[in-house]
PDB file of all heavy atoms in Angstrom:
ATOM      1  N   GLY A   1     -50.251  -7.511  65.045  1.00  0.00           N
ATOM      2  CA  GLY A   1     -51.165  -7.860  66.125  1.00  0.00           C
ATOM      3  C   GLY A   1     -51.972  -9.120  65.929  1.00  0.00           C
ATOM      4  O   GLY A   1     -52.876  -9.418  66.723  1.00  0.00           O
ATOM      5  N   PHE A   2     -51.664  -9.887  64.867  1.00  0.00           N
ATOM      6  CA  PHE A   2     -52.394 -11.127  64.608  1.00  0.00           C
ATOM      7  C   PHE A   2     -51.395 -12.241  64.297  1.00  0.00           C
ATOM      8  O   PHE A   2     -51.217 -12.637  63.140  1.00  0.00           O
ATOM      9  CB  PHE A   2     -53.370 -10.951  63.436  1.00  0.00           C
ATOM     10  CG  PHE A   2     -54.524 -10.048  63.727  1.00  0.00           C
ATOM     11  CD1 PHE A   2     -54.468  -8.706  63.380  1.00  0.00           C
ATOM     12  CD2 PHE A   2     -55.650 -10.523  64.382  1.00  0.00           C
ATOM     13  CE1 PHE A   2     -55.522  -7.854  63.660  1.00  0.00           C
ATOM     14  CE2 PHE A   2     -56.715  -9.679  64.670  1.00  0.00           C
ATOM     15  CZ  PHE A   2     -56.659  -8.341  64.306  1.00  0.00           C
ATOM     16  N   PRO A   3     -50.717 -12.778  65.319  1.00  0.00           N
ATOM     17  CA  PRO A   3     -49.766 -13.867  65.071  1.00  0.00           C
ATOM     18  C   PRO A   3     -50.480 -15.090  64.506  1.00  0.00           C
ATOM     19  O   PRO A   3     -51.609 -15.405  64.897  1.00  0.00           O
ATOM     20  CB  PRO A   3     -49.194 -14.146  66.464  1.00  0.00           C
ATOM     21  CG  PRO A   3     -50.229 -13.648  67.408  1.00  0.00           C
ATOM     22  CD  PRO A   3     -50.855 -12.459  66.748  1.00  0.00           C
ATOM     23  N   THR A   4     -49.820 -15.751  63.559  1.00  0.00           N
ATOM     24  CA  THR A   4     -50.455 -16.894  62.907  1.00  0.00           C
ATOM     25  C   THR A   4     -49.571 -18.128  62.983  1.00  0.00           C
ATOM     26  O   THR A   4     -48.340 -18.036  63.041  1.00  0.00           O
ATOM     27  CB  THR A   4     -50.753 -16.598  61.423  1.00  0.00           C
ATOM     28  OG1 THR A   4     -49.536 -16.256  60.753  1.00  0.00           O
ATOM     29  CG2 THR A   4     -51.760 -15.472  61.290  1.00  0.00           C
ATOM     30  N   ALA A   5     -50.232 -19.283  62.961  1.00  0.00           N
ATOM     31  CA  ALA A   5     -49.553 -20.562  62.821  1.00  0.00           C
ATOM     32  C   ALA A   5     -49.559 -20.914  61.339  1.00  0.00           C
ATOM     33  O   ALA A   5     -50.621 -20.903  60.699  1.00  0.00           O
ATOM     34  CB  ALA A   5     -50.281 -21.637  63.620  1.00  0.00           C
ATOM     35  N   ASN A   6     -48.406 -21.215  60.786  1.00  0.00           N
ATOM     36  CA  ASN A   6     -48.274 -21.489  59.363  1.00  0.00           C
ATOM     37  C   ASN A   6     -48.180 -22.991  59.118  1.00  0.00           C
ATOM     38  O   ASN A   6     -47.333 -23.676  59.710  1.00  0.00           O
ATOM     39  CB  ASN A   6     -47.021 -20.797  58.812  1.00  0.00           C
ATOM     40  CG  ASN A   6     -47.102 -19.293  58.981  1.00  0.00           C
ATOM     41  OD1 ASN A   6     -47.840 -18.624  58.286  1.00  0.00           O
ATOM     42  ND2 ASN A   6     -46.337 -18.769  59.946  1.00  0.00           N
ATOM     43  N   ILE A   7     -49.050 -23.490  58.238  1.00  0.00           N
ATOM     44  CA  ILE A   7     -49.128 -24.919  57.968  1.00  0.00           C
ATOM     45  C   ILE A   7     -49.065 -25.144  56.459  1.00  0.00           C
ATOM     46  O   ILE A   7     -49.845 -24.542  55.700  1.00  0.00           O
ATOM     47  CB  ILE A   7     -50.427 -25.523  58.525  1.00  0.00           C
ATOM     48  CG1 ILE A   7     -50.499 -25.323  60.046  1.00  0.00           C
ATOM     49  CG2 ILE A   7     -50.532 -27.002  58.181  1.00  0.00           C
ATOM     50  CD1 ILE A   7     -51.833 -25.695  60.647  1.00  0.00           C
ATOM     51  N   ALA A   8     -48.151 -26.017  56.008  1.00  0.00           N
ATOM     52  CA  ALA A   8     -48.077 -26.371  54.595  1.00  0.00           C
ATOM     53  C   ALA A   8     -49.285 -27.228  54.225  1.00  0.00           C
ATOM     54  O   ALA A   8     -49.769 -28.030  55.032  1.00  0.00           O
ATOM     55  CB  ALA A   8     -46.786 -27.132  54.311  1.00  0.00           C
ATOM     56  N   LEU A   9     -49.776 -27.080  53.000  1.00  0.00           N
ATOM     57  CA  LEU A   9     -50.993 -27.790  52.590  1.00  0.00           C
ATOM     58  C   LEU A   9     -50.727 -29.233  52.166  1.00  0.00           C
ATOM     59  O   LEU A   9     -51.622 -30.073  52.226  1.00  0.00           O
ATOM     60  CB  LEU A   9     -51.678 -27.029  51.453  1.00  0.00           C
ATOM     61  CG  LEU A   9     -52.244 -25.667  51.838  1.00  0.00           C
ATOM     62  CD1 LEU A   9     -52.865 -24.981  50.625  1.00  0.00           C
ATOM     63  CD2 LEU A   9     -53.283 -25.810  52.941  1.00  0.00           C
ATOM     64  N   GLY A  10     -49.516 -29.522  51.695  1.00  0.00           N
ATOM     65  CA  GLY A  10     -49.189 -30.901  51.355  1.00  0.00           C
ATOM     66  C   GLY A  10     -50.103 -31.502  50.307  1.00  0.00           C
ATOM     67  O   GLY A  10     -50.422 -30.868  49.299  1.00  0.00           O
ATOM     68  N   GLU A  11     -50.554 -32.740  50.551  1.00  0.00           N
ATOM     69  CA  GLU A  11     -51.320 -33.494  49.565  1.00  0.00           C
ATOM     70  C   GLU A  11     -52.807 -33.146  49.544  1.00  0.00           C
ATOM     71  O   GLU A  11     -53.559 -33.696  48.740  1.00  0.00           O
ATOM     72  CB  GLU A  11     -51.180 -34.993  49.844  1.00  0.00           C
ATOM     73  CG  GLU A  11     -49.759 -35.527  49.739  1.00  0.00           C
ATOM     74  CD  GLU A  11     -49.686 -37.004  50.083  1.00  0.00           C
ATOM     75  OE1 GLU A  11     -50.734 -37.591  50.418  1.00  0.00           O
ATOM     76  OE2 GLU A  11     -48.588 -37.561  50.012  1.00  0.00           O
ATOM     77  N   TYR A  12     -53.251 -32.274  50.423  1.00  0.00           N
ATOM     78  CA  TYR A  12     -54.684 -31.986  50.496  1.00  0.00           C
ATOM     79  C   TYR A  12     -55.204 -31.261  49.261  1.00  0.00           C
ATOM     80  O   TYR A  12     -54.510 -30.439  48.652  1.00  0.00           O
ATOM     81  CB  TYR A  12     -54.986 -31.102  51.705  1.00  0.00           C
ATOM     82  CG  TYR A  12     -54.991 -31.822  53.029  1.00  0.00           C
ATOM     83  CD1 TYR A  12     -53.901 -31.768  53.881  1.00  0.00           C
ATOM     84  CD2 TYR A  12     -56.103 -32.553  53.435  1.00  0.00           C
ATOM     85  CE1 TYR A  12     -53.909 -32.409  55.107  1.00  0.00           C
ATOM     86  CE2 TYR A  12     -56.114 -33.194  54.660  1.00  0.00           C
ATOM     87  CZ  TYR A  12     -55.024 -33.130  55.485  1.00  0.00           C
ATOM     88  OH  TYR A  12     -55.037 -33.774  56.697  1.00  0.00           O
ATOM     89  N   LEU A  13     -56.450 -31.537  48.926  1.00  0.00           N
ATOM     90  CA  LEU A  13     -57.199 -30.730  47.974  1.00  0.00           C
ATOM     91  C   LEU A  13     -57.128 -29.263  48.371  1.00  0.00           C
ATOM     92  O   LEU A  13     -57.115 -28.946  49.563  1.00  0.00           O
ATOM     93  CB  LEU A  13     -58.663 -31.187  47.990  1.00  0.00           C
ATOM     94  CG  LEU A  13     -59.658 -30.291  47.264  1.00  0.00           C
ATOM     95  CD1 LEU A  13     -59.952 -30.857  45.897  1.00  0.00           C
ATOM     96  CD2 LEU A  13     -60.947 -30.154  48.060  1.00  0.00           C
ATOM     97  N   ARG A  14     -57.079 -28.369  47.391  1.00  0.00           N
ATOM     98  CA  ARG A  14     -57.100 -26.933  47.674  1.00  0.00           C
ATOM     99  C   ARG A  14     -58.537 -26.423  47.664  1.00  0.00           C
ATOM    100  O   ARG A  14     -59.147 -26.286  46.588  1.00  0.00           O
ATOM    101  CB  ARG A  14     -56.302 -26.161  46.621  1.00  0.00           C
ATOM    102  CG  ARG A  14     -54.801 -26.038  46.838  1.00  0.00           C
ATOM    103  CD  ARG A  14     -54.113 -27.203  47.402  1.00  0.00           C
ATOM    104  NE  ARG A  14     -52.650 -27.028  47.374  1.00  0.00           N
ATOM    105  CZ  ARG A  14     -51.829 -27.875  47.943  1.00  0.00           C
ATOM    106  NH1 ARG A  14     -52.292 -28.945  48.593  1.00  0.00           N
ATOM    107  NH2 ARG A  14     -50.532 -27.687  47.884  1.00  0.00           N
ATOM    108  N   PRO A  15     -59.105 -26.147  48.838  1.00  0.00           N
ATOM    109  CA  PRO A  15     -60.406 -25.477  48.862  1.00  0.00           C
ATOM    110  C   PRO A  15     -60.266 -24.056  48.297  1.00  0.00           C
ATOM    111  O   PRO A  15     -59.148 -23.600  48.011  1.00  0.00           O
ATOM    112  CB  PRO A  15     -60.769 -25.446  50.349  1.00  0.00           C
ATOM    113  CG  PRO A  15     -59.894 -26.471  50.990  1.00  0.00           C
ATOM    114  CD  PRO A  15     -58.618 -26.462  50.178  1.00  0.00           C
ATOM    115  N   ALA A  16     -61.364 -23.360  48.160  1.00  0.00           N
ATOM    116  CA  ALA A  16     -61.321 -21.991  47.655  1.00  0.00           C
ATOM    117  C   ALA A  16     -60.345 -21.166  48.479  1.00  0.00           C
ATOM    118  O   ALA A  16     -60.380 -21.203  49.713  1.00  0.00           O
ATOM    119  CB  ALA A  16     -62.714 -21.374  47.704  1.00  0.00           C
ATOM    120  N   PHE A  17     -59.476 -20.424  47.803  1.00  0.00           N
ATOM    121  CA  PHE A  17     -58.568 -19.552  48.528  1.00  0.00           C
ATOM    122  C   PHE A  17     -59.355 -18.395  49.132  1.00  0.00           C
ATOM    123  O   PHE A  17     -60.200 -17.786  48.473  1.00  0.00           O
ATOM    124  CB  PHE A  17     -57.496 -19.006  47.592  1.00  0.00           C
ATOM    125  CG  PHE A  17     -56.417 -20.002  47.240  1.00  0.00           C
ATOM    126  CD1 PHE A  17     -55.429 -19.675  46.338  1.00  0.00           C
ATOM    127  CD2 PHE A  17     -56.394 -21.264  47.818  1.00  0.00           C
ATOM    128  CE1 PHE A  17     -54.430 -20.580  46.009  1.00  0.00           C
ATOM    129  CE2 PHE A  17     -55.408 -22.181  47.505  1.00  0.00           C
ATOM    130  CZ  PHE A  17     -54.412 -21.832  46.592  1.00  0.00           C
ATOM    131  N   GLY A  18     -59.072 -18.127  50.391  1.00  0.00           N
ATOM    132  CA  GLY A  18     -59.773 -17.053  51.068  1.00  0.00           C
ATOM    133  C   GLY A  18     -59.664 -17.178  52.569  1.00  0.00           C
ATOM    134  O   GLY A  18     -58.807 -17.891  53.108  1.00  0.00           O
ATOM    135  N   VAL A  19     -60.580 -16.506  53.257  1.00  0.00           N
ATOM    136  CA  VAL A  19     -60.573 -16.414  54.713  1.00  0.00           C
ATOM    137  C   VAL A  19     -61.727 -17.233  55.278  1.00  0.00           C
ATOM    138  O   VAL A  19     -62.860 -17.157  54.769  1.00  0.00           O
ATOM    139  CB  VAL A  19     -60.670 -14.952  55.167  1.00  0.00           C
ATOM    140  CG1 VAL A  19     -60.699 -14.850  56.691  1.00  0.00           C
ATOM    141  CG2 VAL A  19     -59.498 -14.142  54.600  1.00  0.00           C
ATOM    142  N   TYR A  20     -61.434 -17.993  56.334  1.00  0.00           N
ATOM    143  CA  TYR A  20     -62.407 -18.901  56.927  1.00  0.00           C
ATOM    144  C   TYR A  20     -62.500 -18.694  58.441  1.00  0.00           C
ATOM    145  O   TYR A  20     -61.495 -18.402  59.103  1.00  0.00           O
ATOM    146  CB  TYR A  20     -61.993 -20.355  56.693  1.00  0.00           C
ATOM    147  CG  TYR A  20     -62.040 -20.821  55.263  1.00  0.00           C
ATOM    148  CD1 TYR A  20     -60.980 -20.569  54.395  1.00  0.00           C
ATOM    149  CD2 TYR A  20     -63.131 -21.521  54.774  1.00  0.00           C
ATOM    150  CE1 TYR A  20     -61.002 -21.002  53.078  1.00  0.00           C
ATOM    151  CE2 TYR A  20     -63.171 -21.962  53.458  1.00  0.00           C
ATOM    152  CZ  TYR A  20     -62.105 -21.703  52.619  1.00  0.00           C
ATOM    153  OH  TYR A  20     -62.142 -22.135  51.310  1.00  0.00           O
ATOM    154  N   ALA A  21     -63.698 -18.899  58.971  1.00  0.00           N
ATOM    155  CA  ALA A  21     -63.869 -19.113  60.404  1.00  0.00           C
ATOM    156  C   ALA A  21     -63.547 -20.581  60.657  1.00  0.00           C
ATOM    157  O   ALA A  21     -64.034 -21.465  59.942  1.00  0.00           O
ATOM    158  CB  ALA A  21     -65.295 -18.800  60.824  1.00  0.00           C
ATOM    159  N   VAL A  22     -62.702 -20.834  61.662  1.00  0.00           N
ATOM    160  CA  VAL A  22     -62.209 -22.192  61.865  1.00  0.00           C
ATOM    161  C   VAL A  22     -62.256 -22.579  63.337  1.00  0.00           C
ATOM    162  O   VAL A  22     -62.293 -21.720  64.225  1.00  0.00           O
ATOM    163  CB  VAL A  22     -60.757 -22.344  61.353  1.00  0.00           C
ATOM    164  CG1 VAL A  22     -60.679 -22.070  59.858  1.00  0.00           C
ATOM    165  CG2 VAL A  22     -59.787 -21.441  62.122  1.00  0.00           C
ATOM    166  N   THR A  23     -62.233 -23.876  63.569  1.00  0.00           N
ATOM    167  CA  THR A  23     -61.936 -24.406  64.901  1.00  0.00           C
ATOM    168  C   THR A  23     -60.670 -25.236  64.781  1.00  0.00           C
ATOM    169  O   THR A  23     -60.380 -25.815  63.721  1.00  0.00           O
ATOM    170  CB  THR A  23     -63.075 -25.254  65.469  1.00  0.00           C
ATOM    171  OG1 THR A  23     -63.413 -26.294  64.538  1.00  0.00           O
ATOM    172  CG2 THR A  23     -64.307 -24.399  65.730  1.00  0.00           C
ATOM    173  N   ILE A  24     -59.911 -25.294  65.859  1.00  0.00           N
ATOM    174  CA  ILE A  24     -58.590 -25.922  65.840  1.00  0.00           C
ATOM    175  C   ILE A  24     -58.489 -26.924  66.979  1.00  0.00           C
ATOM    176  O   ILE A  24     -58.775 -26.597  68.132  1.00  0.00           O
ATOM    177  CB  ILE A  24     -57.471 -24.863  65.985  1.00  0.00           C
ATOM    178  CG1 ILE A  24     -57.604 -23.780  64.920  1.00  0.00           C
ATOM    179  CG2 ILE A  24     -56.104 -25.521  65.928  1.00  0.00           C
ATOM    180  CD1 ILE A  24     -58.241 -22.501  65.428  1.00  0.00           C
ATOM    181  N   GLU A  25     -58.091 -28.151  66.637  1.00  0.00           N
ATOM    182  CA  GLU A  25     -57.819 -29.171  67.646  1.00  0.00           C
ATOM    183  C   GLU A  25     -56.308 -29.257  67.858  1.00  0.00           C
ATOM    184  O   GLU A  25     -55.544 -29.408  66.899  1.00  0.00           O
ATOM    185  CB  GLU A  25     -58.342 -30.529  67.203  1.00  0.00           C
ATOM    186  CG  GLU A  25     -59.848 -30.611  67.063  1.00  0.00           C
ATOM    187  CD  GLU A  25     -60.572 -30.575  68.400  1.00  0.00           C
ATOM    188  OE1 GLU A  25     -59.981 -31.031  69.406  1.00  0.00           O
ATOM    189  OE2 GLU A  25     -61.703 -30.085  68.431  1.00  0.00           O
ATOM    190  N   MET A  26     -55.895 -29.156  69.104  1.00  0.00           N
ATOM    191  CA  MET A  26     -54.471 -29.256  69.430  1.00  0.00           C
ATOM    192  C   MET A  26     -54.320 -29.865  70.818  1.00  0.00           C
ATOM    193  O   MET A  26     -54.882 -29.352  71.789  1.00  0.00           O
ATOM    194  CB  MET A  26     -53.819 -27.865  69.384  1.00  0.00           C
ATOM    195  CG  MET A  26     -52.334 -27.863  69.756  1.00  0.00           C
ATOM    196  SD  MET A  26     -51.589 -26.215  69.638  1.00  0.00           S
ATOM    197  CE  MET A  26     -52.513 -25.326  70.919  1.00  0.00           C
ATOM    198  N   ASP A  27     -53.616 -30.973  70.878  1.00  0.00           N
ATOM    199  CA  ASP A  27     -53.343 -31.633  72.162  1.00  0.00           C
ATOM    200  C   ASP A  27     -54.620 -31.875  72.964  1.00  0.00           C
ATOM    201  O   ASP A  27     -54.652 -31.678  74.183  1.00  0.00           O
ATOM    202  CB  ASP A  27     -52.360 -30.801  72.989  1.00  0.00           C
ATOM    203  CG  ASP A  27     -51.002 -30.642  72.308  1.00  0.00           C
ATOM    204  OD1 ASP A  27     -50.647 -31.524  71.508  1.00  0.00           O
ATOM    205  OD2 ASP A  27     -50.325 -29.638  72.575  1.00  0.00           O
ATOM    206  N   GLY A  28     -55.674 -32.290  72.274  1.00  0.00           N
ATOM    207  CA  GLY A  28     -56.920 -32.611  72.950  1.00  0.00           C
ATOM    208  C   GLY A  28     -57.782 -31.423  73.315  1.00  0.00           C
ATOM    209  O   GLY A  28     -58.843 -31.593  73.908  1.00  0.00           O
ATOM    210  N   GLN A  29     -57.342 -30.221  72.979  1.00  0.00           N
ATOM    211  CA  GLN A  29     -58.102 -29.009  73.270  1.00  0.00           C
ATOM    212  C   GLN A  29     -58.643 -28.413  71.964  1.00  0.00           C
ATOM    213  O   GLN A  29     -58.048 -28.569  70.901  1.00  0.00           O
ATOM    214  CB  GLN A  29     -57.224 -27.970  73.969  1.00  0.00           C
ATOM    215  CG  GLN A  29     -56.667 -28.423  75.302  1.00  0.00           C
ATOM    216  CD  GLN A  29     -57.758 -28.602  76.349  1.00  0.00           C
ATOM    217  OE1 GLN A  29     -58.664 -27.789  76.458  1.00  0.00           O
ATOM    218  NE2 GLN A  29     -57.665 -29.681  77.127  1.00  0.00           N
ATOM    219  N   THR A  30     -59.787 -27.717  72.073  1.00  0.00           N
ATOM    220  CA  THR A  30     -60.388 -27.068  70.915  1.00  0.00           C
ATOM    221  C   THR A  30     -60.322 -25.560  71.071  1.00  0.00           C
ATOM    222  O   THR A  30     -60.673 -25.021  72.123  1.00  0.00           O
ATOM    223  CB  THR A  30     -61.864 -27.488  70.743  1.00  0.00           C
ATOM    224  OG1 THR A  30     -61.941 -28.914  70.590  1.00  0.00           O
ATOM    225  CG2 THR A  30     -62.478 -26.832  69.509  1.00  0.00           C
ATOM    226  N   TYR A  31     -59.853 -24.902  70.030  1.00  0.00           N
ATOM    227  CA  TYR A  31     -59.761 -23.447  70.001  1.00  0.00           C
ATOM    228  C   TYR A  31     -60.552 -22.935  68.797  1.00  0.00           C
ATOM    229  O   TYR A  31     -60.870 -23.685  67.877  1.00  0.00           O
ATOM    230  CB  TYR A  31     -58.294 -23.003  69.884  1.00  0.00           C
ATOM    231  CG  TYR A  31     -57.412 -23.499  70.996  1.00  0.00           C
ATOM    232  CD1 TYR A  31     -56.796 -24.752  70.909  1.00  0.00           C
ATOM    233  CD2 TYR A  31     -57.196 -22.744  72.141  1.00  0.00           C
ATOM    234  CE1 TYR A  31     -55.986 -25.228  71.941  1.00  0.00           C
ATOM    235  CE2 TYR A  31     -56.390 -23.205  73.175  1.00  0.00           C
ATOM    236  CZ  TYR A  31     -55.793 -24.445  73.061  1.00  0.00           C
ATOM    237  OH  TYR A  31     -54.999 -24.910  74.086  1.00  0.00           O
ATOM    238  N   ARG A  32     -60.840 -21.646  68.827  1.00  0.00           N
ATOM    239  CA  ARG A  32     -61.509 -21.005  67.703  1.00  0.00           C
ATOM    240  C   ARG A  32     -60.547 -20.006  67.075  1.00  0.00           C
ATOM    241  O   ARG A  32     -59.608 -19.533  67.719  1.00  0.00           O
ATOM    242  CB  ARG A  32     -62.788 -20.308  68.171  1.00  0.00           C
ATOM    243  CG  ARG A  32     -63.782 -21.281  68.761  1.00  0.00           C
ATOM    244  CD  ARG A  32     -65.072 -20.615  69.180  1.00  0.00           C
ATOM    245  NE  ARG A  32     -66.000 -21.593  69.715  1.00  0.00           N
ATOM    246  CZ  ARG A  32     -67.303 -21.430  69.809  1.00  0.00           C
ATOM    247  NH1 ARG A  32     -67.847 -20.280  69.429  1.00  0.00           N
ATOM    248  NH2 ARG A  32     -68.079 -22.375  70.279  1.00  0.00           N
ATOM    249  N   GLY A  33     -60.792 -19.710  65.795  1.00  0.00           N
ATOM    250  CA  GLY A  33     -59.892 -18.791  65.156  1.00  0.00           C
ATOM    251  C   GLY A  33     -60.351 -18.382  63.773  1.00  0.00           C
ATOM    252  O   GLY A  33     -61.469 -18.680  63.337  1.00  0.00           O
ATOM    253  N   VAL A  34     -59.471 -17.673  63.101  1.00  0.00           N
ATOM    254  CA  VAL A  34     -59.701 -17.228  61.733  1.00  0.00           C
ATOM    255  C   VAL A  34     -58.480 -17.640  60.931  1.00  0.00           C
ATOM    256  O   VAL A  34     -57.360 -17.651  61.454  1.00  0.00           O
ATOM    257  CB  VAL A  34     -59.942 -15.705  61.666  1.00  0.00           C
ATOM    258  CG1 VAL A  34     -58.729 -14.916  62.150  1.00  0.00           C
ATOM    259  CG2 VAL A  34     -60.375 -15.277  60.270  1.00  0.00           C
ATOM    260  N   ALA A  35     -58.677 -18.039  59.672  1.00  0.00           N
ATOM    261  CA  ALA A  35     -57.568 -18.552  58.877  1.00  0.00           C
ATOM    262  C   ALA A  35     -57.612 -18.005  57.466  1.00  0.00           C
ATOM    263  O   ALA A  35     -58.702 -17.779  56.905  1.00  0.00           O
ATOM    264  CB  ALA A  35     -57.596 -20.076  58.852  1.00  0.00           C
ATOM    265  N   ASN A  36     -56.435 -17.804  56.917  1.00  0.00           N
ATOM    266  CA  ASN A  36     -56.314 -17.470  55.500  1.00  0.00           C
ATOM    267  C   ASN A  36     -55.670 -18.647  54.782  1.00  0.00           C
ATOM    268  O   ASN A  36     -54.629 -19.162  55.200  1.00  0.00           O
ATOM    269  CB  ASN A  36     -55.456 -16.216  55.294  1.00  0.00           C
ATOM    270  CG  ASN A  36     -55.413 -15.800  53.828  1.00  0.00           C
ATOM    271  OD1 ASN A  36     -56.314 -15.137  53.326  1.00  0.00           O
ATOM    272  ND2 ASN A  36     -54.370 -16.204  53.117  1.00  0.00           N
ATOM    273  N   LEU A  37     -56.300 -19.079  53.713  1.00  0.00           N
ATOM    274  CA  LEU A  37     -55.783 -20.172  52.905  1.00  0.00           C
ATOM    275  C   LEU A  37     -55.478 -19.617  51.519  1.00  0.00           C
ATOM    276  O   LEU A  37     -56.353 -19.085  50.852  1.00  0.00           O
ATOM    277  CB  LEU A  37     -56.815 -21.297  52.839  1.00  0.00           C
ATOM    278  CG  LEU A  37     -56.371 -22.641  52.265  1.00  0.00           C
ATOM    279  CD1 LEU A  37     -57.272 -23.749  52.797  1.00  0.00           C
ATOM    280  CD2 LEU A  37     -56.408 -22.654  50.743  1.00  0.00           C
ATOM    281  N   GLY A  38     -54.209 -19.700  51.110  1.00  0.00           N
ATOM    282  CA  GLY A  38     -53.859 -19.185  49.796  1.00  0.00           C
ATOM    283  C   GLY A  38     -52.419 -18.764  49.696  1.00  0.00           C
ATOM    284  O   GLY A  38     -51.539 -19.277  50.408  1.00  0.00           O
ATOM    285  N   ARG A  39     -52.169 -17.775  48.835  1.00  0.00           N
ATOM    286  CA  ARG A  39     -50.789 -17.357  48.537  1.00  0.00           C
ATOM    287  C   ARG A  39     -50.422 -16.004  49.145  1.00  0.00           C
ATOM    288  O   ARG A  39     -49.321 -15.532  48.969  1.00  0.00           O
ATOM    289  CB  ARG A  39     -50.571 -17.303  47.027  1.00  0.00           C
ATOM    290  CG  ARG A  39     -50.682 -18.647  46.337  1.00  0.00           C
ATOM    291  CD  ARG A  39     -50.206 -18.558  44.898  1.00  0.00           C
ATOM    292  NE  ARG A  39     -50.263 -19.845  44.230  1.00  0.00           N
ATOM    293  CZ  ARG A  39     -51.303 -20.271  43.525  1.00  0.00           C
ATOM    294  NH1 ARG A  39     -52.370 -19.493  43.392  1.00  0.00           N
ATOM    295  NH2 ARG A  39     -51.272 -21.451  42.945  1.00  0.00           N
ATOM    296  N   ARG A  40     -51.324 -15.284  49.774  1.00  0.00           N
ATOM    297  CA  ARG A  40     -51.072 -14.000  50.423  1.00  0.00           C
ATOM    298  C   ARG A  40     -50.581 -12.946  49.420  1.00  0.00           C
ATOM    299  O   ARG A  40     -49.451 -12.492  49.465  1.00  0.00           O
ATOM    300  CB  ARG A  40     -50.039 -14.165  51.540  1.00  0.00           C
ATOM    301  CG  ARG A  40     -50.436 -15.165  52.609  1.00  0.00           C
ATOM    302  CD  ARG A  40     -49.256 -15.663  53.428  1.00  0.00           C
ATOM    303  NE  ARG A  40     -48.298 -16.335  52.550  1.00  0.00           N
ATOM    304  CZ  ARG A  40     -47.015 -16.011  52.469  1.00  0.00           C
ATOM    305  NH1 ARG A  40     -46.520 -15.028  53.209  1.00  0.00           N
ATOM    306  NH2 ARG A  40     -46.208 -16.656  51.661  1.00  0.00           N
ATOM    307  N   PRO A  41     -51.421 -12.541  48.469  1.00  0.00           N
ATOM    308  CA  PRO A  41     -50.982 -11.625  47.412  1.00  0.00           C
ATOM    309  C   PRO A  41     -50.548 -10.254  47.906  1.00  0.00           C
ATOM    310  O   PRO A  41     -49.724  -9.601  47.262  1.00  0.00           O
ATOM    311  CB  PRO A  41     -52.218 -11.520  46.511  1.00  0.00           C
ATOM    312  CG  PRO A  41     -53.369 -11.887  47.389  1.00  0.00           C
ATOM    313  CD  PRO A  41     -52.841 -12.931  48.319  1.00  0.00           C
ATOM    314  N   THR A  42     -51.048  -9.803  49.065  1.00  0.00           N
ATOM    315  CA  THR A  42     -50.665  -8.481  49.568  1.00  0.00           C
ATOM    316  C   THR A  42     -49.169  -8.408  49.858  1.00  0.00           C
ATOM    317  O   THR A  42     -48.536  -7.350  49.711  1.00  0.00           O
ATOM    318  CB  THR A  42     -51.465  -8.118  50.830  1.00  0.00           C
ATOM    319  OG1 THR A  42     -52.868  -8.173  50.521  1.00  0.00           O
ATOM    320  CG2 THR A  42     -51.129  -6.724  51.337  1.00  0.00           C
ATOM    321  N   VAL A  43     -48.576  -9.536  50.269  1.00  0.00           N
ATOM    322  CA  VAL A  43     -47.141  -9.546  50.575  1.00  0.00           C
ATOM    323  C   VAL A  43     -46.359 -10.336  49.528  1.00  0.00           C
ATOM    324  O   VAL A  43     -45.260 -10.816  49.793  1.00  0.00           O
ATOM    325  CB  VAL A  43     -46.889 -10.124  51.985  1.00  0.00           C
ATOM    326  CG1 VAL A  43     -47.515  -9.238  53.047  1.00  0.00           C
ATOM    327  CG2 VAL A  43     -47.437 -11.554  52.101  1.00  0.00           C
ATOM    328  N   ALA A  44     -46.961 -10.458  48.329  1.00  0.00           N
ATOM    329  CA  ALA A  44     -46.309 -11.124  47.200  1.00  0.00           C
ATOM    330  C   ALA A  44     -45.924 -12.569  47.518  1.00  0.00           C
ATOM    331  O   ALA A  44     -44.872 -13.060  47.099  1.00  0.00           O
ATOM    332  CB  ALA A  44     -45.085 -10.332  46.744  1.00  0.00           C
TER     333      ALA A  44
END
């Protein structure tokens, strides 16, 4: 029930792994959301 957009981190610094409240810019529009940054240990 929580579809996610998956984005590779690439060359960016790794902030603390965890869950964040986020805003998202896409095609000139701003959305709100929640994000997990890390390796997802629950699903290995």
